[in-house]
Amino acid sequence: MSIKASACIVTYNNIKYIGKTVGTLLRFTQGVDFTLYVVDNGSTDGTIELLEQEFSTAQNLKIIKTGNNNGFGAGHNEILNIIDSDYHAVVNPDIIIADDIIEKMAKYMEEHSDIDLLSPQICFPDGRRQMLGKRSPKLKYLFASRLRDEEKPSRLLREYTMTDEDWSQPFDIENATGCFMFFRTSAFKRLGGFDERYFMYFEDCDITREIRKTSRAVFFPDAIVYHVWGRDSKRDLKLMSIHIRSMFSYFWKWRR
C-alpha cells in the first residue's frame, strides 16, 4: 500500500513565484500518492488564472478560493477536514524543490514513529544555506536575527540557528520554520492545525512547541528546499506591525 502525502500552499498575490513552486512539486513528487492543495486568500494579481491555465491537466492539484485573506494559519486550516493523507507538507509559495523530497521525508518518518514534524535543509536559490531559527524564539535571538550579518554571524545568531550542530545528520529542534514543514497528518489534525490567533508569523514556532509536548520535531538535512525568502516584514510597515503583534501573542501564550 503506497504512502499518501498531501501538501498545501496558501497564496495571496504570489503570481511571481507560485508557478515554479507548484510546477516543481508536481514534477518531482512521484514516489507517493500525492495531492497538492492551493488555498488562495483572495488574490487579485492573476494568481488563480495562471494556475488554472498552466496546470489545467493536473489531476492531483486542487485549488480552493476563500475569497478573503484570513491569514497564513487560517488558510492552511481550510483543508484540515479534507486531507486524508499519512503525511502533510506546509509549503510557502516561494519554495522550489529539485528532487522527490516528499518521498524522502515520508520514508524517514515511516521509520521513526516518535517524530511528528520534520524540517528540511533550507537554502537560497543559489545554494547557500539560510540561517533560520531552530531554537524557540527569545527576544535576544530576535534582535540578533534582525541585526544579522550572514558573513560573520554573531554568537547569538549561531546559537539561535544551531549552526554549530552537525548539519550532516538529523537532530532535534525547538522551532521549525513555516516556509516548509512536514507533519504526520494525524498530529497536525490532532492539534487542530495552526493557532489562528496569529494572522501571520510565529504560528510555526507555536505549532512546533505544541508538537514537542508529545513527540519530536527534527531537522532533516537529506531533504533540501530552495527558498526565495524576501524578509518582507523588514521593509513593509504593515507586515512589520503584524510581525510585532504576533510576537506579543506568542510570548503571552508561552509566558509560563
C-alpha atoms as a PDB file:
ATOM      1  CA  MET A   1       0.000   0.000   0.000  1.00  0.00           C
ATOM      2  CA  SER A   2       1.538   3.301  -1.087  1.00  0.00           C
ATOM      3  CA  ILE A   3       2.160   6.189   1.269  1.00  0.00           C
ATOM      4  CA  LYS A   4      -0.341   9.025   0.910  1.00  0.00           C
ATOM      5  CA  ALA A   5       1.040  12.547   1.131  1.00  0.00           C
ATOM      6  CA  SER A   6      -0.515  15.959   0.729  1.00  0.00           C
ATOM      7  CA  ALA A   7       0.814  19.493   0.619  1.00  0.00           C
ATOM      8  CA  CYS A   8      -0.773  22.903   0.904  1.00  0.00           C
ATOM      9  CA  ILE A   9       0.310  26.295  -0.371  1.00  0.00           C
ATOM     10  CA  VAL A  10      -1.521  29.369   0.901  1.00  0.00           C
ATOM     11  CA  THR A  11      -1.200  32.205  -1.566  1.00  0.00           C
ATOM     12  CA  TYR A  12      -2.115  35.869  -1.664  1.00  0.00           C
ATOM     13  CA  ASN A  13      -0.939  37.759  -4.756  1.00  0.00           C
ATOM     14  CA  ASN A  14       2.072  35.493  -5.337  1.00  0.00           C
ATOM     15  CA  ILE A  15       1.937  35.307  -9.125  1.00  0.00           C
ATOM     16  CA  LYS A  16       5.695  35.977  -9.331  1.00  0.00           C
ATOM     17  CA  TYR A  17       6.651  32.658  -7.716  1.00  0.00           C
ATOM     18  CA  ILE A  18       3.626  30.356  -7.454  1.00  0.00           C
ATOM     19  CA  GLY A  19       4.007  28.767 -10.902  1.00  0.00           C
ATOM     20  CA  LYS A  20       7.518  27.473 -10.168  1.00  0.00           C
ATOM     21  CA  THR A  21       6.513  26.233  -6.736  1.00  0.00           C
ATOM     22  CA  VAL A  22       3.520  24.275  -7.975  1.00  0.00           C
ATOM     23  CA  GLY A  23       5.420  23.070 -11.042  1.00  0.00           C
ATOM     24  CA  THR A  24       8.350  21.594  -9.133  1.00  0.00           C
ATOM     25  CA  LEU A  25       6.152  19.960  -6.503  1.00  0.00           C
ATOM     26  CA  LEU A  26       4.037  18.234  -9.148  1.00  0.00           C
ATOM     27  CA  ARG A  27       7.030  17.324 -11.302  1.00  0.00           C
ATOM     28  CA  PHE A  28       9.299  15.804  -8.661  1.00  0.00           C
ATOM     29  CA  THR A  29       6.802  14.226  -6.250  1.00  0.00           C
ATOM     30  CA  GLN A  30       6.390  10.798  -7.807  1.00  0.00           C
ATOM     31  CA  GLY A  31       7.156   8.210  -5.121  1.00  0.00           C
ATOM     32  CA  VAL A  32       3.987   8.717  -3.061  1.00  0.00           C
ATOM     33  CA  ASP A  33       0.263   9.074  -3.705  1.00  0.00           C
ATOM     34  CA  PHE A  34       0.307  12.883  -3.740  1.00  0.00           C
ATOM     35  CA  THR A  35      -2.312  15.645  -3.693  1.00  0.00           C
ATOM     36  CA  LEU A  36      -1.388  19.328  -3.756  1.00  0.00           C
ATOM     37  CA  TYR A  37      -3.811  21.957  -2.476  1.00  0.00           C
ATOM     38  CA  VAL A  38      -3.533  25.655  -3.228  1.00  0.00           C
ATOM     39  CA  VAL A  39      -5.627  27.831  -0.945  1.00  0.00           C
ATOM     40  CA  ASP A  40      -5.997  31.299  -2.435  1.00  0.00           C
ATOM     41  CA  ASN A  41      -6.805  34.069   0.037  1.00  0.00           C
ATOM     42  CA  GLY A  42      -8.440  36.427  -2.459  1.00  0.00           C
ATOM     43  CA  SER A  43      -5.585  37.167  -4.870  1.00  0.00           C
ATOM     44  CA  THR A  44      -6.208  39.959  -7.379  1.00  0.00           C
ATOM     45  CA  ASP A  45      -2.957  39.694  -9.376  1.00  0.00           C
ATOM     46  CA  GLY A  46      -3.916  36.819 -11.677  1.00  0.00           C
ATOM     47  CA  THR A  47      -2.542  34.035  -9.465  1.00  0.00           C
ATOM     48  CA  ILE A  48      -5.607  31.821  -9.903  1.00  0.00           C
ATOM     49  CA  GLU A  49      -5.840  32.435 -13.636  1.00  0.00           C
ATOM     50  CA  LEU A  50      -2.177  31.472 -14.058  1.00  0.00           C
ATOM     51  CA  LEU A  51      -2.609  28.224 -12.115  1.00  0.00           C
ATOM     52  CA  GLU A  52      -5.790  27.270 -13.947  1.00  0.00           C
ATOM     53  CA  GLN A  53      -4.100  27.872 -17.293  1.00  0.00           C
ATOM     54  CA  GLU A  54      -0.690  26.271 -16.616  1.00  0.00           C
ATOM     55  CA  PHE A  55      -1.913  23.234 -14.680  1.00  0.00           C
ATOM     56  CA  SER A  56      -5.305  22.573 -16.239  1.00  0.00           C
ATOM     57  CA  THR A  57      -4.497  18.875 -16.749  1.00  0.00           C
ATOM     58  CA  ALA A  58      -3.056  18.205 -13.277  1.00  0.00           C
ATOM     59  CA  GLN A  59      -5.456  15.740 -11.648  1.00  0.00           C
ATOM     60  CA  ASN A  60      -3.740  15.940  -8.242  1.00  0.00           C
ATOM     61  CA  LEU A  61      -3.910  19.737  -7.944  1.00  0.00           C
ATOM     62  CA  LYS A  62      -6.875  21.147  -6.028  1.00  0.00           C
ATOM     63  CA  ILE A  63      -7.479  24.915  -5.930  1.00  0.00           C
ATOM     64  CA  ILE A  64      -9.598  26.377  -3.137  1.00  0.00           C
ATOM     65  CA  LYS A  65     -10.703  30.002  -3.259  1.00  0.00           C
ATOM     66  CA  THR A  66     -11.520  31.507   0.138  1.00  0.00           C
ATOM     67  CA  GLY A  67     -12.352  34.966  -1.202  1.00  0.00           C
ATOM     68  CA  ASN A  68     -10.841  36.550   1.917  1.00  0.00           C
ATOM     69  CA  ASN A  69      -7.370  36.972   3.344  1.00  0.00           C
ATOM     70  CA  ASN A  70      -7.734  35.457   6.801  1.00  0.00           C
ATOM     71  CA  GLY A  71      -4.027  34.853   7.210  1.00  0.00           C
ATOM     72  CA  PHE A  72      -1.446  32.102   6.855  1.00  0.00           C
ATOM     73  CA  GLY A  73      -2.612  29.701   9.538  1.00  0.00           C
ATOM     74  CA  ALA A  74      -6.320  30.084   8.803  1.00  0.00           C
ATOM     75  CA  GLY A  75      -5.606  29.461   5.123  1.00  0.00           C
ATOM     76  CA  HIS A  76      -3.821  26.204   5.867  1.00  0.00           C
ATOM     77  CA  ASN A  77      -6.586  25.178   8.250  1.00  0.00           C
ATOM     78  CA  GLU A  78      -9.105  25.447   5.388  1.00  0.00           C
ATOM     79  CA  ILE A  79      -8.193  21.930   4.265  1.00  0.00           C
ATOM     80  CA  LEU A  80      -7.871  20.367   7.715  1.00  0.00           C
ATOM     81  CA  ASN A  81     -11.056  18.314   7.328  1.00  0.00           C
ATOM     82  CA  ILE A  82     -10.349  17.440   3.687  1.00  0.00           C
ATOM     83  CA  ILE A  83      -6.921  15.841   3.807  1.00  0.00           C
ATOM     84  CA  ASP A  84      -6.763  12.084   4.395  1.00  0.00           C
ATOM     85  CA  SER A  85      -3.022  11.614   3.907  1.00  0.00           C
ATOM     86  CA  ASP A  86      -0.384   9.958   6.058  1.00  0.00           C
ATOM     87  CA  TYR A  87       1.912  12.993   5.828  1.00  0.00           C
ATOM     88  CA  HIS A  88       1.238  16.633   5.090  1.00  0.00           C
ATOM     89  CA  ALA A  89       3.560  19.428   3.972  1.00  0.00           C
ATOM     90  CA  VAL A  90       3.009  23.122   4.620  1.00  0.00           C
ATOM     91  CA  VAL A  91       4.730  24.976   1.787  1.00  0.00           C
ATOM     92  CA  ASN A  92       5.354  28.656   1.090  1.00  0.00           C
ATOM     93  CA  PRO A  93       4.546  29.969  -2.411  1.00  0.00           C
ATOM     94  CA  ASP A  94       8.230  30.876  -2.964  1.00  0.00           C
ATOM     95  CA  ILE A  95       9.682  27.375  -2.499  1.00  0.00           C
ATOM     96  CA  ILE A  96      11.348  25.306  -5.222  1.00  0.00           C
ATOM     97  CA  ILE A  97      12.372  21.655  -4.975  1.00  0.00           C
ATOM     98  CA  ALA A  98      14.770  19.726  -7.207  1.00  0.00           C
ATOM     99  CA  ASP A  99      14.072  16.116  -6.261  1.00  0.00           C
ATOM    100  CA  ASP A 100      11.448  13.957  -4.545  1.00  0.00           C
ATOM    101  CA  ILE A 101      11.918  15.265  -1.021  1.00  0.00           C
ATOM    102  CA  ILE A 102       8.313  14.411  -0.132  1.00  0.00           C
ATOM    103  CA  GLU A 103       9.071  10.714  -0.568  1.00  0.00           C
ATOM    104  CA  LYS A 104      12.391  11.054   1.310  1.00  0.00           C
ATOM    105  CA  MET A 105      10.738  12.691   4.296  1.00  0.00           C
ATOM    106  CA  ALA A 106       7.777  10.321   4.324  1.00  0.00           C
ATOM    107  CA  LYS A 107      10.044   7.270   4.306  1.00  0.00           C
ATOM    108  CA  TYR A 108      12.162   8.696   7.116  1.00  0.00           C
ATOM    109  CA  MET A 109       9.087   9.293   9.259  1.00  0.00           C
ATOM    110  CA  GLU A 110       7.814   5.791   8.453  1.00  0.00           C
ATOM    111  CA  GLU A 111      10.998   4.550  10.141  1.00  0.00           C
ATOM    112  CA  HIS A 112      10.763   6.947  13.118  1.00  0.00           C
ATOM    113  CA  SER A 113       7.322   6.786  14.716  1.00  0.00           C
ATOM    114  CA  ASP A 114       8.377   9.156  17.523  1.00  0.00           C
ATOM    115  CA  ILE A 115       8.734  12.078  15.074  1.00  0.00           C
ATOM    116  CA  ASP A 116       5.678  14.148  14.133  1.00  0.00           C
ATOM    117  CA  LEU A 117       7.406  17.074  12.392  1.00  0.00           C
ATOM    118  CA  LEU A 118      10.374  17.295  10.028  1.00  0.00           C
ATOM    119  CA  SER A 119      12.117  20.464   8.880  1.00  0.00           C
ATOM    120  CA  PRO A 120      14.271  20.199   5.728  1.00  0.00           C
ATOM    121  CA  GLN A 121      17.503  21.976   4.954  1.00  0.00           C
ATOM    122  CA  ILE A 122      16.525  25.357   3.521  1.00  0.00           C
ATOM    123  CA  CYS A 123      18.774  27.128   1.039  1.00  0.00           C
ATOM    124  CA  PHE A 124      18.749  30.248  -1.080  1.00  0.00           C
ATOM    125  CA  PRO A 125      18.195  29.597  -4.811  1.00  0.00           C
ATOM    126  CA  ASP A 126      21.985  29.841  -5.321  1.00  0.00           C
ATOM    127  CA  GLY A 127      22.556  27.006  -2.850  1.00  0.00           C
ATOM    128  CA  ARG A 128      23.705  28.997   0.182  1.00  0.00           C
ATOM    129  CA  ARG A 129      22.267  27.708   3.432  1.00  0.00           C
ATOM    130  CA  GLN A 130      19.741  30.001   5.110  1.00  0.00           C
ATOM    131  CA  MET A 131      20.256  30.892   8.756  1.00  0.00           C
ATOM    132  CA  LEU A 132      16.806  30.307  10.223  1.00  0.00           C
ATOM    133  CA  GLY A 133      15.859  29.918  13.884  1.00  0.00           C
ATOM    134  CA  LYS A 134      15.851  26.384  15.246  1.00  0.00           C
ATOM    135  CA  ARG A 135      15.543  27.221  18.927  1.00  0.00           C
ATOM    136  CA  SER A 136      12.383  28.669  20.460  1.00  0.00           C
ATOM    137  CA  PRO A 137      12.313  32.444  19.971  1.00  0.00           C
ATOM    138  CA  LYS A 138      13.632  34.722  22.683  1.00  0.00           C
ATOM    139  CA  LEU A 139      13.936  38.482  22.438  1.00  0.00           C
ATOM    140  CA  LYS A 140      17.732  38.269  22.339  1.00  0.00           C
ATOM    141  CA  TYR A 141      17.547  35.847  19.413  1.00  0.00           C
ATOM    142  CA  LEU A 142      15.068  38.016  17.516  1.00  0.00           C
ATOM    143  CA  PHE A 143      17.304  41.072  17.889  1.00  0.00           C
ATOM    144  CA  ALA A 144      20.295  39.029  16.720  1.00  0.00           C
ATOM    145  CA  SER A 145      18.281  37.883  13.709  1.00  0.00           C
ATOM    146  CA  ARG A 146      17.261  41.430  12.784  1.00  0.00           C
ATOM    147  CA  LEU A 147      20.861  42.621  13.033  1.00  0.00           C
ATOM    148  CA  ARG A 148      22.253  39.591  11.248  1.00  0.00           C
ATOM    149  CA  ASP A 149      25.500  39.507   9.315  1.00  0.00           C
ATOM    150  CA  GLU A 150      25.367  36.482   7.001  1.00  0.00           C
ATOM    151  CA  GLU A 151      29.139  36.521   6.503  1.00  0.00           C
ATOM    152  CA  LYS A 152      30.071  36.877  10.189  1.00  0.00           C
ATOM    153  CA  PRO A 153      27.080  35.690  12.255  1.00  0.00           C
ATOM    154  CA  SER A 154      27.089  36.660  15.920  1.00  0.00           C
ATOM    155  CA  ARG A 155      27.306  34.116  18.739  1.00  0.00           C
ATOM    156  CA  LEU A 156      23.593  34.630  19.476  1.00  0.00           C
ATOM    157  CA  LEU A 157      22.611  34.101  15.838  1.00  0.00           C
ATOM    158  CA  ARG A 158      24.686  30.917  15.671  1.00  0.00           C
ATOM    159  CA  GLU A 159      23.017  29.742  18.872  1.00  0.00           C
ATOM    160  CA  TYR A 160      19.517  30.568  17.579  1.00  0.00           C
ATOM    161  CA  THR A 161      20.090  28.858  14.243  1.00  0.00           C
ATOM    162  CA  MET A 162      22.039  25.932  15.777  1.00  0.00           C
ATOM    163  CA  THR A 163      24.799  26.313  13.190  1.00  0.00           C
ATOM    164  CA  ASP A 164      27.314  24.641  15.491  1.00  0.00           C
ATOM    165  CA  GLU A 165      25.414  21.329  15.327  1.00  0.00           C
ATOM    166  CA  ASP A 166      26.436  18.603  12.883  1.00  0.00           C
ATOM    167  CA  TRP A 167      24.244  19.510   9.911  1.00  0.00           C
ATOM    168  CA  SER A 168      25.101  16.326   8.073  1.00  0.00           C
ATOM    169  CA  GLN A 169      22.902  14.360  10.491  1.00  0.00           C
ATOM    170  CA  PRO A 170      19.300  14.795  11.713  1.00  0.00           C
ATOM    171  CA  PHE A 171      18.946  16.474  15.113  1.00  0.00           C
ATOM    172  CA  ASP A 172      16.102  17.633  17.341  1.00  0.00           C
ATOM    173  CA  ILE A 173      14.993  21.258  17.081  1.00  0.00           C
ATOM    174  CA  GLU A 174      12.679  23.538  19.045  1.00  0.00           C
ATOM    175  CA  ASN A 175      11.456  25.612  16.105  1.00  0.00           C
ATOM    176  CA  ALA A 176      10.669  24.539  12.523  1.00  0.00           C
ATOM    177  CA  THR A 177      10.351  27.379  10.023  1.00  0.00           C
ATOM    178  CA  GLY A 178       6.954  27.743   8.372  1.00  0.00           C
ATOM    179  CA  CYS A 179       8.271  28.044   4.805  1.00  0.00           C
ATOM    180  CA  PHE A 180       8.317  24.214   4.644  1.00  0.00           C
ATOM    181  CA  MET A 181       7.009  21.978   7.435  1.00  0.00           C
ATOM    182  CA  PHE A 182       6.417  18.242   7.057  1.00  0.00           C
ATOM    183  CA  PHE A 183       3.862  16.848   9.518  1.00  0.00           C
ATOM    184  CA  ARG A 184       2.495  13.471  10.368  1.00  0.00           C
ATOM    185  CA  THR A 185      -1.060  14.308   9.287  1.00  0.00           C
ATOM    186  CA  SER A 186      -2.641  12.716  12.368  1.00  0.00           C
ATOM    187  CA  ALA A 187      -0.601  15.052  14.591  1.00  0.00           C
ATOM    188  CA  PHE A 188      -1.476  18.118  12.506  1.00  0.00           C
ATOM    189  CA  LYS A 189      -5.164  17.244  12.755  1.00  0.00           C
ATOM    190  CA  ARG A 190      -4.971  16.424  16.461  1.00  0.00           C
ATOM    191  CA  LEU A 191      -3.684  19.944  17.143  1.00  0.00           C
ATOM    192  CA  GLY A 192      -6.421  21.491  15.005  1.00  0.00           C
ATOM    193  CA  GLY A 193      -3.841  22.857  12.602  1.00  0.00           C
ATOM    194  CA  PHE A 194      -2.335  26.266  13.269  1.00  0.00           C
ATOM    195  CA  ASP A 195      -3.411  28.553  16.100  1.00  0.00           C
ATOM    196  CA  GLU A 196      -5.386  31.268  14.312  1.00  0.00           C
ATOM    197  CA  ARG A 197      -4.592  33.968  16.856  1.00  0.00           C
ATOM    198  CA  TYR A 198      -1.574  34.595  14.596  1.00  0.00           C
ATOM    199  CA  PHE A 199      -2.543  36.221  11.297  1.00  0.00           C
ATOM    200  CA  MET A 200       0.993  35.612  10.059  1.00  0.00           C
ATOM    201  CA  TYR A 201       4.380  34.971  11.704  1.00  0.00           C
ATOM    202  CA  PHE A 202       5.128  32.915  14.853  1.00  0.00           C
ATOM    203  CA  GLU A 203       2.480  30.292  14.085  1.00  0.00           C
ATOM    204  CA  ASP A 204       5.326  27.997  13.035  1.00  0.00           C
ATOM    205  CA  CYS A 205       7.160  28.449  16.347  1.00  0.00           C
ATOM    206  CA  ASP A 206       3.876  27.901  18.169  1.00  0.00           C
ATOM    207  CA  ILE A 207       2.894  24.652  16.458  1.00  0.00           C
ATOM    208  CA  THR A 208       6.414  23.255  16.833  1.00  0.00           C
ATOM    209  CA  ARG A 209       6.138  23.751  20.594  1.00  0.00           C
ATOM    210  CA  GLU A 210       2.744  22.073  20.592  1.00  0.00           C
ATOM    211  CA  ILE A 211       4.159  19.103  18.652  1.00  0.00           C
ATOM    212  CA  ARG A 212       7.051  18.765  21.086  1.00  0.00           C
ATOM    213  CA  LYS A 213       4.725  18.263  24.042  1.00  0.00           C
ATOM    214  CA  THR A 214       4.119  14.674  22.885  1.00  0.00           C
ATOM    215  CA  SER A 215       6.682  13.873  20.174  1.00  0.00           C
ATOM    216  CA  ARG A 216       9.751  15.108  18.338  1.00  0.00           C
ATOM    217  CA  ALA A 217      10.495  17.852  15.823  1.00  0.00           C
ATOM    218  CA  VAL A 218      13.627  17.077  13.820  1.00  0.00           C
ATOM    219  CA  PHE A 219      15.885  18.831  11.304  1.00  0.00           C
ATOM    220  CA  PHE A 220      16.340  16.527   8.295  1.00  0.00           C
ATOM    221  CA  PRO A 221      19.297  17.607   6.115  1.00  0.00           C
ATOM    222  CA  ASP A 222      18.808  14.952   3.412  1.00  0.00           C
ATOM    223  CA  ALA A 223      15.824  16.936   2.101  1.00  0.00           C
ATOM    224  CA  ILE A 224      16.722  20.318   0.581  1.00  0.00           C
ATOM    225  CA  VAL A 225      14.318  23.059  -0.467  1.00  0.00           C
ATOM    226  CA  TYR A 226      15.174  26.365  -2.125  1.00  0.00           C
ATOM    227  CA  HIS A 227      13.517  29.448  -0.650  1.00  0.00           C
ATOM    228  CA  VAL A 228      13.493  32.964  -2.099  1.00  0.00           C
ATOM    229  CA  TRP A 229      12.982  34.445   1.406  1.00  0.00           C
ATOM    230  CA  GLY A 230      12.169  38.079   0.784  1.00  0.00           C
ATOM    231  CA  ARG A 231      12.108  39.057   4.505  1.00  0.00           C
ATOM    232  CA  ASP A 232       9.267  41.432   3.610  1.00  0.00           C
ATOM    233  CA  SER A 233       8.494  42.433   7.198  1.00  0.00           C
ATOM    234  CA  LYS A 234      11.823  44.308   7.343  1.00  0.00           C
ATOM    235  CA  ARG A 235      10.663  46.666   4.569  1.00  0.00           C
ATOM    236  CA  ASP A 236       6.854  46.788   4.788  1.00  0.00           C
ATOM    237  CA  LEU A 237       5.454  48.713   7.769  1.00  0.00           C
ATOM    238  CA  LYS A 238       2.125  46.865   7.675  1.00  0.00           C
ATOM    239  CA  LEU A 239       3.848  43.487   7.737  1.00  0.00           C
ATOM    240  CA  MET A 240       6.191  44.723  10.449  1.00  0.00           C
ATOM    241  CA  SER A 241       3.218  45.643  12.647  1.00  0.00           C
ATOM    242  CA  ILE A 242       1.678  42.186  12.027  1.00  0.00           C
ATOM    243  CA  HIS A 243       5.013  40.634  12.966  1.00  0.00           C
ATOM    244  CA  ILE A 244       5.151  42.591  16.225  1.00  0.00           C
ATOM    245  CA  ARG A 245       1.544  41.715  17.168  1.00  0.00           C
ATOM    246  CA  SER A 246       2.219  38.046  16.516  1.00  0.00           C
ATOM    247  CA  MET A 247       5.386  38.235  18.604  1.00  0.00           C
ATOM    248  CA  PHE A 248       3.450  39.610  21.586  1.00  0.00           C
ATOM    249  CA  SER A 249       0.748  36.948  21.128  1.00  0.00           C
ATOM    250  CA  TYR A 250       3.396  34.234  21.094  1.00  0.00           C
ATOM    251  CA  PHE A 251       5.247  35.421  24.187  1.00  0.00           C
ATOM    252  CA  TRP A 252       1.984  35.930  26.073  1.00  0.00           C
ATOM    253  CA  LYS A 253       0.749  32.433  25.235  1.00  0.00           C
ATOM    254  CA  TRP A 254       4.041  30.769  26.253  1.00  0.00           C
ATOM    255  CA  ARG A 255       4.850  33.098  29.181  1.00  0.00           C
ATOM    256  CA  ARG A 256       4.972  30.212  31.681  1.00  0.00           C
END
